[in-house]
Amino acid sequence: MRKASTLIVAGLAAALATPAIASDKADVWAKVKAFDDTFNNGDTKGLIAACADDAIIIDDFAPHVWKGPGTCSNWLNALVSYNKAQGITDGVVTIGKPWHNIVTGDRAYVDVPAKYTYKQNGKPVVESGSNWTLAFQKVATGWTITGWSWAQH
């Protein structure tokens, strides 16, 4: 009987927690889409504000890893320099349906397929089949990005 009541309590706890997890998953996914929009719209302030100050970023251009205070700002400055040197303009990231959207307490993990389109020296370029993975932490103001990585396919 004790085992049965333990299972019932565990089942009830899981059932009660499900709406919160579903809501958190929706909130995290909304943050991913909003972050993508800030990038696509050139909203540098919004992009930097979406990140924890000490986030970690891994990307496919040197120095490949950014971490410590001002991570997103430092990454953005490096991206602007890289794009200028490579003749890259008009970058747009299009994300697909998430492969993973996992919420565990105040932490979340989202992995999405992505396509990056841009012009290089005036010619259109499409990088399809890329992978964008983001990690979040829920803080007093909502979900904030604690790290992300981009892998070009």
N, C-alpha and C. Protein backbone atom coordinates (compact mmCIF):
# COMPACT_ATOMS: atom_id res chain seq x y z
N MET A 1 0.82 -1.19 0.00
CA MET A 1 0.00 0.00 0.00
C MET A 1 0.87 1.26 0.00
N ARG A 2 1.94 1.21 0.77
CA ARG A 2 2.83 2.36 0.86
C ARG A 2 3.43 2.68 -0.52
N LYS A 3 3.81 1.63 -1.26
CA LYS A 3 4.38 1.82 -2.59
C LYS A 3 3.34 2.43 -3.52
N ALA A 4 2.10 1.96 -3.45
CA ALA A 4 1.03 2.49 -4.29
C ALA A 4 0.78 3.95 -3.99
N SER A 5 0.75 4.35 -2.71
CA SER A 5 0.50 5.75 -2.37
C SER A 5 1.67 6.63 -2.80
N THR A 6 2.88 6.11 -2.75
CA THR A 6 4.04 6.85 -3.22
C THR A 6 3.93 7.10 -4.72
N LEU A 7 3.50 6.08 -5.45
CA LEU A 7 3.33 6.23 -6.90
C LEU A 7 2.23 7.23 -7.22
N ILE A 8 1.16 7.20 -6.47
CA ILE A 8 0.06 8.14 -6.69
C ILE A 8 0.52 9.56 -6.43
N VAL A 9 1.23 9.79 -5.35
CA VAL A 9 1.74 11.12 -5.03
C VAL A 9 2.71 11.60 -6.12
N ALA A 10 3.59 10.71 -6.56
CA ALA A 10 4.53 11.07 -7.62
C ALA A 10 3.79 11.41 -8.91
N GLY A 11 2.77 10.64 -9.24
CA GLY A 11 1.98 10.90 -10.44
C GLY A 11 1.24 12.22 -10.35
N LEU A 12 0.67 12.52 -9.21
CA LEU A 12 -0.02 13.80 -9.02
C LEU A 12 0.95 14.97 -9.13
N ALA A 13 2.11 14.81 -8.53
CA ALA A 13 3.12 15.87 -8.60
C ALA A 13 3.52 16.13 -10.05
N ALA A 14 3.71 15.08 -10.81
CA ALA A 14 4.08 15.22 -12.22
C ALA A 14 2.96 15.88 -13.00
N ALA A 15 1.74 15.48 -12.74
CA ALA A 15 0.60 16.06 -13.45
C ALA A 15 0.44 17.54 -13.14
N LEU A 16 0.65 17.89 -11.90
CA LEU A 16 0.53 19.30 -11.52
C LEU A 16 1.67 20.13 -12.09
N ALA A 17 2.83 19.55 -12.27
CA ALA A 17 3.98 20.27 -12.79
C ALA A 17 3.92 20.45 -14.30
N THR A 18 3.20 19.61 -15.00
CA THR A 18 3.17 19.63 -16.46
C THR A 18 2.75 20.98 -17.04
N PRO A 19 1.67 21.64 -16.54
CA PRO A 19 1.34 22.95 -17.12
C PRO A 19 2.46 23.98 -16.96
N ALA A 20 3.16 23.95 -15.83
CA ALA A 20 4.26 24.89 -15.63
C ALA A 20 5.37 24.62 -16.63
N ILE A 21 5.70 23.35 -16.85
CA ILE A 21 6.75 23.01 -17.80
C ILE A 21 6.33 23.41 -19.21
N ALA A 22 5.09 23.14 -19.57
CA ALA A 22 4.60 23.52 -20.90
C ALA A 22 4.67 25.03 -21.07
N SER A 23 4.28 25.76 -20.06
CA SER A 23 4.34 27.22 -20.11
C SER A 23 5.78 27.69 -20.23
N ASP A 24 6.69 27.10 -19.44
CA ASP A 24 8.10 27.46 -19.52
C ASP A 24 8.67 27.14 -20.89
N LYS A 25 8.31 26.00 -21.46
CA LYS A 25 8.79 25.65 -22.79
C LYS A 25 8.33 26.68 -23.82
N ALA A 26 7.08 27.11 -23.71
CA ALA A 26 6.56 28.13 -24.62
C ALA A 26 7.31 29.45 -24.42
N ASP A 27 7.58 29.80 -23.17
CA ASP A 27 8.30 31.04 -22.87
C ASP A 27 9.72 30.99 -23.41
N VAL A 28 10.38 29.86 -23.24
CA VAL A 28 11.76 29.70 -23.74
C VAL A 28 11.76 29.79 -25.26
N TRP A 29 10.83 29.10 -25.91
CA TRP A 29 10.77 29.13 -27.38
C TRP A 29 10.50 30.56 -27.86
N ALA A 30 9.66 31.29 -27.15
CA ALA A 30 9.41 32.70 -27.50
C ALA A 30 10.70 33.51 -27.40
N LYS A 31 11.52 33.21 -26.41
CA LYS A 31 12.81 33.90 -26.25
C LYS A 31 13.75 33.58 -27.41
N VAL A 32 13.76 32.32 -27.85
CA VAL A 32 14.60 31.95 -28.99
C VAL A 32 14.16 32.73 -30.23
N LYS A 33 12.87 32.76 -30.48
CA LYS A 33 12.36 33.48 -31.66
C LYS A 33 12.65 34.97 -31.54
N ALA A 34 12.49 35.54 -30.35
CA ALA A 34 12.76 36.96 -30.15
C ALA A 34 14.25 37.26 -30.35
N PHE A 35 15.12 36.37 -29.87
CA PHE A 35 16.55 36.56 -30.05
C PHE A 35 16.91 36.51 -31.53
N ASP A 36 16.31 35.59 -32.26
CA ASP A 36 16.52 35.50 -33.70
C ASP A 36 16.06 36.80 -34.37
N ASP A 37 14.89 37.31 -33.96
CA ASP A 37 14.38 38.57 -34.52
C ASP A 37 15.33 39.73 -34.24
N THR A 38 15.90 39.78 -33.03
CA THR A 38 16.81 40.89 -32.71
C THR A 38 18.02 40.85 -33.64
N PHE A 39 18.52 39.64 -33.90
CA PHE A 39 19.65 39.51 -34.83
C PHE A 39 19.25 39.97 -36.22
N ASN A 40 18.14 39.46 -36.71
CA ASN A 40 17.70 39.75 -38.07
C ASN A 40 17.36 41.22 -38.28
N ASN A 41 16.91 41.89 -37.23
CA ASN A 41 16.54 43.30 -37.32
C ASN A 41 17.70 44.23 -36.98
N GLY A 42 18.86 43.67 -36.67
CA GLY A 42 20.01 44.50 -36.33
C GLY A 42 19.87 45.22 -34.99
N ASP A 43 19.05 44.65 -34.11
CA ASP A 43 18.80 45.25 -32.80
C ASP A 43 19.91 44.84 -31.84
N THR A 44 21.02 45.55 -31.88
CA THR A 44 22.17 45.17 -31.07
C THR A 44 21.89 45.29 -29.58
N LYS A 45 21.15 46.30 -29.18
CA LYS A 45 20.82 46.45 -27.75
C LYS A 45 19.97 45.29 -27.27
N GLY A 46 19.00 44.89 -28.06
CA GLY A 46 18.14 43.76 -27.71
C GLY A 46 18.91 42.46 -27.67
N LEU A 47 19.83 42.29 -28.61
CA LEU A 47 20.65 41.08 -28.66
C LEU A 47 21.50 40.97 -27.40
N ILE A 48 22.15 42.05 -27.03
CA ILE A 48 23.01 42.05 -25.85
C ILE A 48 22.19 41.87 -24.58
N ALA A 49 21.01 42.49 -24.52
CA ALA A 49 20.15 42.40 -23.33
C ALA A 49 19.61 41.00 -23.11
N ALA A 50 19.50 40.20 -24.18
CA ALA A 50 18.94 38.85 -24.05
C ALA A 50 19.92 37.88 -23.39
N CYS A 51 21.19 38.27 -23.32
CA CYS A 51 22.24 37.38 -22.81
C CYS A 51 22.62 37.71 -21.38
N ALA A 52 22.95 36.67 -20.63
CA ALA A 52 23.60 36.89 -19.35
C ALA A 52 24.95 37.53 -19.64
N ASP A 53 25.40 38.40 -18.76
CA ASP A 53 26.65 39.11 -19.00
C ASP A 53 27.82 38.16 -19.17
N ASP A 54 27.77 37.02 -18.49
CA ASP A 54 28.88 36.07 -18.56
C ASP A 54 28.52 34.81 -19.35
N ALA A 55 27.69 34.98 -20.36
CA ALA A 55 27.31 33.85 -21.21
C ALA A 55 28.54 33.28 -21.91
N ILE A 56 28.37 32.13 -22.51
CA ILE A 56 29.43 31.49 -23.31
C ILE A 56 28.90 31.32 -24.72
N ILE A 57 29.71 31.71 -25.71
CA ILE A 57 29.31 31.58 -27.11
C ILE A 57 30.39 30.82 -27.86
N ILE A 58 29.95 29.88 -28.68
CA ILE A 58 30.84 29.15 -29.59
C ILE A 58 30.29 29.38 -30.99
N ASP A 59 31.13 29.87 -31.89
CA ASP A 59 30.70 30.17 -33.25
C ASP A 59 31.78 29.74 -34.23
N ASP A 60 31.45 29.78 -35.52
CA ASP A 60 32.36 29.21 -36.52
C ASP A 60 33.39 30.19 -37.07
N PHE A 61 33.52 31.37 -36.47
CA PHE A 61 34.58 32.29 -36.88
C PHE A 61 35.47 32.60 -35.67
N ALA A 62 36.71 32.91 -35.95
CA ALA A 62 37.69 33.13 -34.87
C ALA A 62 37.32 34.34 -34.02
N PRO A 63 37.56 34.24 -32.73
CA PRO A 63 38.33 33.23 -32.01
C PRO A 63 37.52 32.00 -31.59
N HIS A 64 36.32 31.86 -32.08
CA HIS A 64 35.44 30.70 -31.90
C HIS A 64 34.78 30.59 -30.54
N VAL A 65 35.40 31.11 -29.47
CA VAL A 65 34.81 31.04 -28.14
C VAL A 65 34.88 32.42 -27.50
N TRP A 66 33.73 32.83 -26.96
CA TRP A 66 33.65 34.07 -26.19
C TRP A 66 33.07 33.72 -24.84
N LYS A 67 33.67 34.26 -23.77
CA LYS A 67 33.17 34.01 -22.43
C LYS A 67 33.63 35.14 -21.52
N GLY A 68 32.98 35.22 -20.38
CA GLY A 68 33.33 36.26 -19.41
C GLY A 68 32.44 37.47 -19.54
N PRO A 69 32.72 38.50 -18.77
CA PRO A 69 31.88 39.71 -18.80
C PRO A 69 31.77 40.30 -20.21
N GLY A 70 30.55 40.65 -20.59
CA GLY A 70 30.32 41.27 -21.89
C GLY A 70 30.37 40.32 -23.06
N THR A 71 30.12 39.05 -22.83
CA THR A 71 30.25 38.04 -23.88
C THR A 71 29.51 38.42 -25.16
N CYS A 72 28.22 38.70 -25.05
CA CYS A 72 27.43 38.95 -26.27
C CYS A 72 27.90 40.20 -27.00
N SER A 73 28.27 41.22 -26.24
CA SER A 73 28.79 42.43 -26.85
C SER A 73 30.12 42.16 -27.56
N ASN A 74 30.99 41.39 -26.91
CA ASN A 74 32.28 41.04 -27.51
C ASN A 74 32.10 40.20 -28.77
N TRP A 75 31.16 39.23 -28.70
CA TRP A 75 30.88 38.41 -29.88
C TRP A 75 30.37 39.28 -31.03
N LEU A 76 29.44 40.18 -30.71
CA LEU A 76 28.85 41.04 -31.73
C LEU A 76 29.93 41.91 -32.39
N ASN A 77 30.83 42.48 -31.59
CA ASN A 77 31.92 43.28 -32.16
C ASN A 77 32.80 42.44 -33.07
N ALA A 78 33.08 41.20 -32.66
CA ALA A 78 33.88 40.30 -33.50
C ALA A 78 33.15 39.96 -34.79
N LEU A 79 31.84 39.73 -34.70
CA LEU A 79 31.05 39.41 -35.89
C LEU A 79 31.06 40.58 -36.87
N VAL A 80 30.88 41.78 -36.38
CA VAL A 80 30.89 42.97 -37.24
C VAL A 80 32.23 43.09 -37.96
N SER A 81 33.31 42.89 -37.22
CA SER A 81 34.66 42.95 -37.83
C SER A 81 34.85 41.85 -38.87
N TYR A 82 34.44 40.64 -38.51
CA TYR A 82 34.56 39.51 -39.43
C TYR A 82 33.76 39.76 -40.70
N ASN A 83 32.51 40.18 -40.54
CA ASN A 83 31.66 40.42 -41.70
C ASN A 83 32.25 41.51 -42.61
N LYS A 84 32.77 42.55 -42.00
CA LYS A 84 33.38 43.62 -42.80
C LYS A 84 34.57 43.08 -43.59
N ALA A 85 35.42 42.32 -42.93
CA ALA A 85 36.61 41.76 -43.60
C ALA A 85 36.24 40.78 -44.72
N GLN A 86 35.12 40.07 -44.55
CA GLN A 86 34.69 39.07 -45.53
C GLN A 86 33.72 39.61 -46.57
N GLY A 87 33.32 40.87 -46.44
CA GLY A 87 32.36 41.46 -47.38
C GLY A 87 30.95 40.92 -47.19
N ILE A 88 30.60 40.55 -45.96
CA ILE A 88 29.29 39.96 -45.67
C ILE A 88 28.32 41.04 -45.21
N THR A 89 27.13 41.05 -45.84
CA THR A 89 26.06 41.99 -45.47
C THR A 89 24.72 41.26 -45.48
N ASP A 90 23.72 41.91 -44.94
CA ASP A 90 22.32 41.46 -45.03
C ASP A 90 22.09 40.06 -44.46
N GLY A 91 22.72 39.73 -43.35
CA GLY A 91 22.57 38.42 -42.74
C GLY A 91 21.21 38.21 -42.10
N VAL A 92 20.62 37.06 -42.36
CA VAL A 92 19.33 36.68 -41.78
C VAL A 92 19.39 35.21 -41.37
N VAL A 93 18.99 34.95 -40.12
CA VAL A 93 18.91 33.59 -39.62
C VAL A 93 17.44 33.18 -39.59
N THR A 94 17.12 32.06 -40.22
CA THR A 94 15.78 31.50 -40.20
C THR A 94 15.83 30.19 -39.42
N ILE A 95 14.99 30.11 -38.39
CA ILE A 95 15.01 28.91 -37.56
C ILE A 95 13.81 28.02 -37.88
N GLY A 96 14.01 26.73 -37.66
CA GLY A 96 12.95 25.75 -37.87
C GLY A 96 12.34 25.32 -36.54
N LYS A 97 11.55 24.28 -36.62
CA LYS A 97 10.93 23.70 -35.44
C LYS A 97 12.01 23.10 -34.56
N PRO A 98 11.98 23.36 -33.25
CA PRO A 98 13.06 22.86 -32.39
C PRO A 98 13.13 21.34 -32.35
N TRP A 99 14.35 20.85 -32.39
CA TRP A 99 14.58 19.42 -32.21
C TRP A 99 14.45 19.07 -30.73
N HIS A 100 14.91 19.98 -29.88
CA HIS A 100 14.84 19.79 -28.43
C HIS A 100 14.40 21.11 -27.79
N ASN A 101 13.53 21.02 -26.83
CA ASN A 101 13.14 22.17 -25.99
C ASN A 101 12.91 21.56 -24.61
N ILE A 102 13.96 21.56 -23.82
CA ILE A 102 13.94 20.86 -22.53
C ILE A 102 14.03 21.89 -21.41
N VAL A 103 13.10 21.80 -20.48
CA VAL A 103 13.12 22.67 -19.30
C VAL A 103 13.28 21.79 -18.08
N THR A 104 14.27 22.13 -17.26
CA THR A 104 14.52 21.42 -16.01
C THR A 104 14.66 22.47 -14.92
N GLY A 105 13.58 22.70 -14.19
CA GLY A 105 13.62 23.72 -13.15
C GLY A 105 13.84 25.09 -13.75
N ASP A 106 14.92 25.75 -13.33
CA ASP A 106 15.21 27.10 -13.82
C ASP A 106 16.22 27.10 -14.96
N ARG A 107 16.41 25.94 -15.61
CA ARG A 107 17.35 25.82 -16.73
C ARG A 107 16.61 25.28 -17.95
N ALA A 108 17.07 25.68 -19.12
CA ALA A 108 16.45 25.21 -20.35
C ALA A 108 17.52 25.02 -21.43
N TYR A 109 17.19 24.14 -22.38
CA TYR A 109 18.07 23.78 -23.47
C TYR A 109 17.22 23.68 -24.73
N VAL A 110 17.62 24.41 -25.77
CA VAL A 110 16.87 24.40 -27.02
C VAL A 110 17.86 24.18 -28.16
N ASP A 111 17.51 23.26 -29.06
CA ASP A 111 18.34 22.95 -30.21
C ASP A 111 17.46 23.06 -31.44
N VAL A 112 17.86 23.92 -32.39
CA VAL A 112 17.02 24.15 -33.57
C VAL A 112 17.84 24.07 -34.86
N PRO A 113 17.18 23.61 -35.92
CA PRO A 113 17.81 23.71 -37.24
C PRO A 113 17.75 25.17 -37.67
N ALA A 114 18.76 25.60 -38.42
CA ALA A 114 18.80 27.00 -38.82
C ALA A 114 19.39 27.15 -40.22
N LYS A 115 19.00 28.24 -40.85
CA LYS A 115 19.54 28.59 -42.16
C LYS A 115 20.02 30.04 -42.07
N TYR A 116 21.22 30.29 -42.55
CA TYR A 116 21.79 31.63 -42.54
C TYR A 116 21.96 32.08 -43.98
N THR A 117 21.28 33.16 -44.34
CA THR A 117 21.41 33.72 -45.68
C THR A 117 22.05 35.10 -45.56
N TYR A 118 22.88 35.43 -46.53
CA TYR A 118 23.54 36.73 -46.52
C TYR A 118 24.09 37.00 -47.92
N LYS A 119 24.65 38.17 -48.07
CA LYS A 119 25.36 38.50 -49.30
C LYS A 119 26.84 38.60 -48.97
N GLN A 120 27.66 38.02 -49.85
CA GLN A 120 29.09 38.15 -49.70
C GLN A 120 29.62 38.78 -50.97
N ASN A 121 30.15 39.98 -50.79
CA ASN A 121 30.60 40.78 -51.93
C ASN A 121 29.47 40.93 -52.95
N GLY A 122 28.25 41.11 -52.43
CA GLY A 122 27.09 41.35 -53.27
C GLY A 122 26.40 40.11 -53.80
N LYS A 123 26.99 38.95 -53.62
CA LYS A 123 26.41 37.71 -54.15
C LYS A 123 25.68 36.95 -53.03
N PRO A 124 24.47 36.44 -53.31
CA PRO A 124 23.72 35.71 -52.28
C PRO A 124 24.39 34.40 -51.89
N VAL A 125 24.37 34.14 -50.57
CA VAL A 125 24.92 32.89 -50.03
C VAL A 125 23.87 32.30 -49.10
N VAL A 126 23.72 30.99 -49.15
CA VAL A 126 22.79 30.29 -48.25
C VAL A 126 23.56 29.18 -47.54
N GLU A 127 23.55 29.24 -46.22
CA GLU A 127 24.09 28.16 -45.39
C GLU A 127 22.89 27.46 -44.77
N SER A 128 22.49 26.34 -45.35
CA SER A 128 21.33 25.62 -44.81
C SER A 128 21.80 24.42 -44.01
N GLY A 129 20.92 23.92 -43.16
CA GLY A 129 21.23 22.74 -42.37
C GLY A 129 22.12 23.01 -41.17
N SER A 130 22.23 24.26 -40.76
CA SER A 130 23.04 24.58 -39.59
C SER A 130 22.30 24.21 -38.32
N ASN A 131 23.01 24.25 -37.21
CA ASN A 131 22.48 23.85 -35.92
C ASN A 131 22.76 24.96 -34.91
N TRP A 132 21.70 25.43 -34.25
CA TRP A 132 21.85 26.48 -33.24
C TRP A 132 21.33 25.93 -31.93
N THR A 133 22.19 25.89 -30.94
CA THR A 133 21.85 25.34 -29.63
C THR A 133 22.00 26.44 -28.59
N LEU A 134 20.96 26.62 -27.78
CA LEU A 134 20.96 27.68 -26.77
C LEU A 134 20.65 27.11 -25.40
N ALA A 135 21.27 27.69 -24.37
CA ALA A 135 21.00 27.33 -22.98
C ALA A 135 20.48 28.57 -22.27
N PHE A 136 19.54 28.36 -21.37
CA PHE A 136 18.90 29.47 -20.66
C PHE A 136 18.88 29.22 -19.15
N GLN A 137 18.74 30.32 -18.42
CA GLN A 137 18.44 30.25 -16.99
C GLN A 137 17.30 31.21 -16.71
N LYS A 138 16.37 30.75 -15.88
CA LYS A 138 15.25 31.60 -15.50
C LYS A 138 15.70 32.46 -14.32
N VAL A 139 15.63 33.76 -14.50
CA VAL A 139 15.99 34.72 -13.46
C VAL A 139 14.76 35.57 -13.15
N ALA A 140 14.89 36.53 -12.26
CA ALA A 140 13.76 37.34 -11.84
C ALA A 140 13.04 38.02 -13.01
N THR A 141 13.77 38.39 -14.04
CA THR A 141 13.18 39.08 -15.19
C THR A 141 12.73 38.14 -16.30
N GLY A 142 12.91 36.83 -16.11
CA GLY A 142 12.50 35.86 -17.13
C GLY A 142 13.68 35.02 -17.57
N TRP A 143 13.56 34.40 -18.73
CA TRP A 143 14.60 33.51 -19.25
C TRP A 143 15.70 34.33 -19.91
N THR A 144 16.93 34.05 -19.55
CA THR A 144 18.08 34.73 -20.14
C THR A 144 19.03 33.69 -20.73
N ILE A 145 19.69 34.06 -21.81
CA ILE A 145 20.61 33.14 -22.49
C ILE A 145 21.91 33.07 -21.71
N THR A 146 22.29 31.86 -21.33
CA THR A 146 23.55 31.65 -20.62
C THR A 146 24.64 31.10 -21.54
N GLY A 147 24.23 30.64 -22.70
CA GLY A 147 25.20 30.18 -23.68
C GLY A 147 24.53 29.75 -24.96
N TRP A 148 25.26 29.82 -26.04
CA TRP A 148 24.76 29.28 -27.29
C TRP A 148 25.92 28.91 -28.19
N SER A 149 25.62 28.00 -29.11
CA SER A 149 26.62 27.60 -30.10
C SER A 149 25.97 27.50 -31.47
N TRP A 150 26.78 27.76 -32.46
CA TRP A 150 26.34 27.67 -33.85
C TRP A 150 27.25 26.70 -34.57
N ALA A 151 26.67 25.78 -35.31
CA ALA A 151 27.46 24.85 -36.11
C ALA A 151 26.94 24.89 -37.53
N GLN A 152 27.78 25.36 -38.43
CA GLN A 152 27.43 25.39 -39.84
C GLN A 152 27.49 23.98 -40.38
N HIS A 153 26.51 23.64 -41.21
CA HIS A 153 26.48 22.30 -41.80
C HIS A 153 27.18 22.33 -43.15
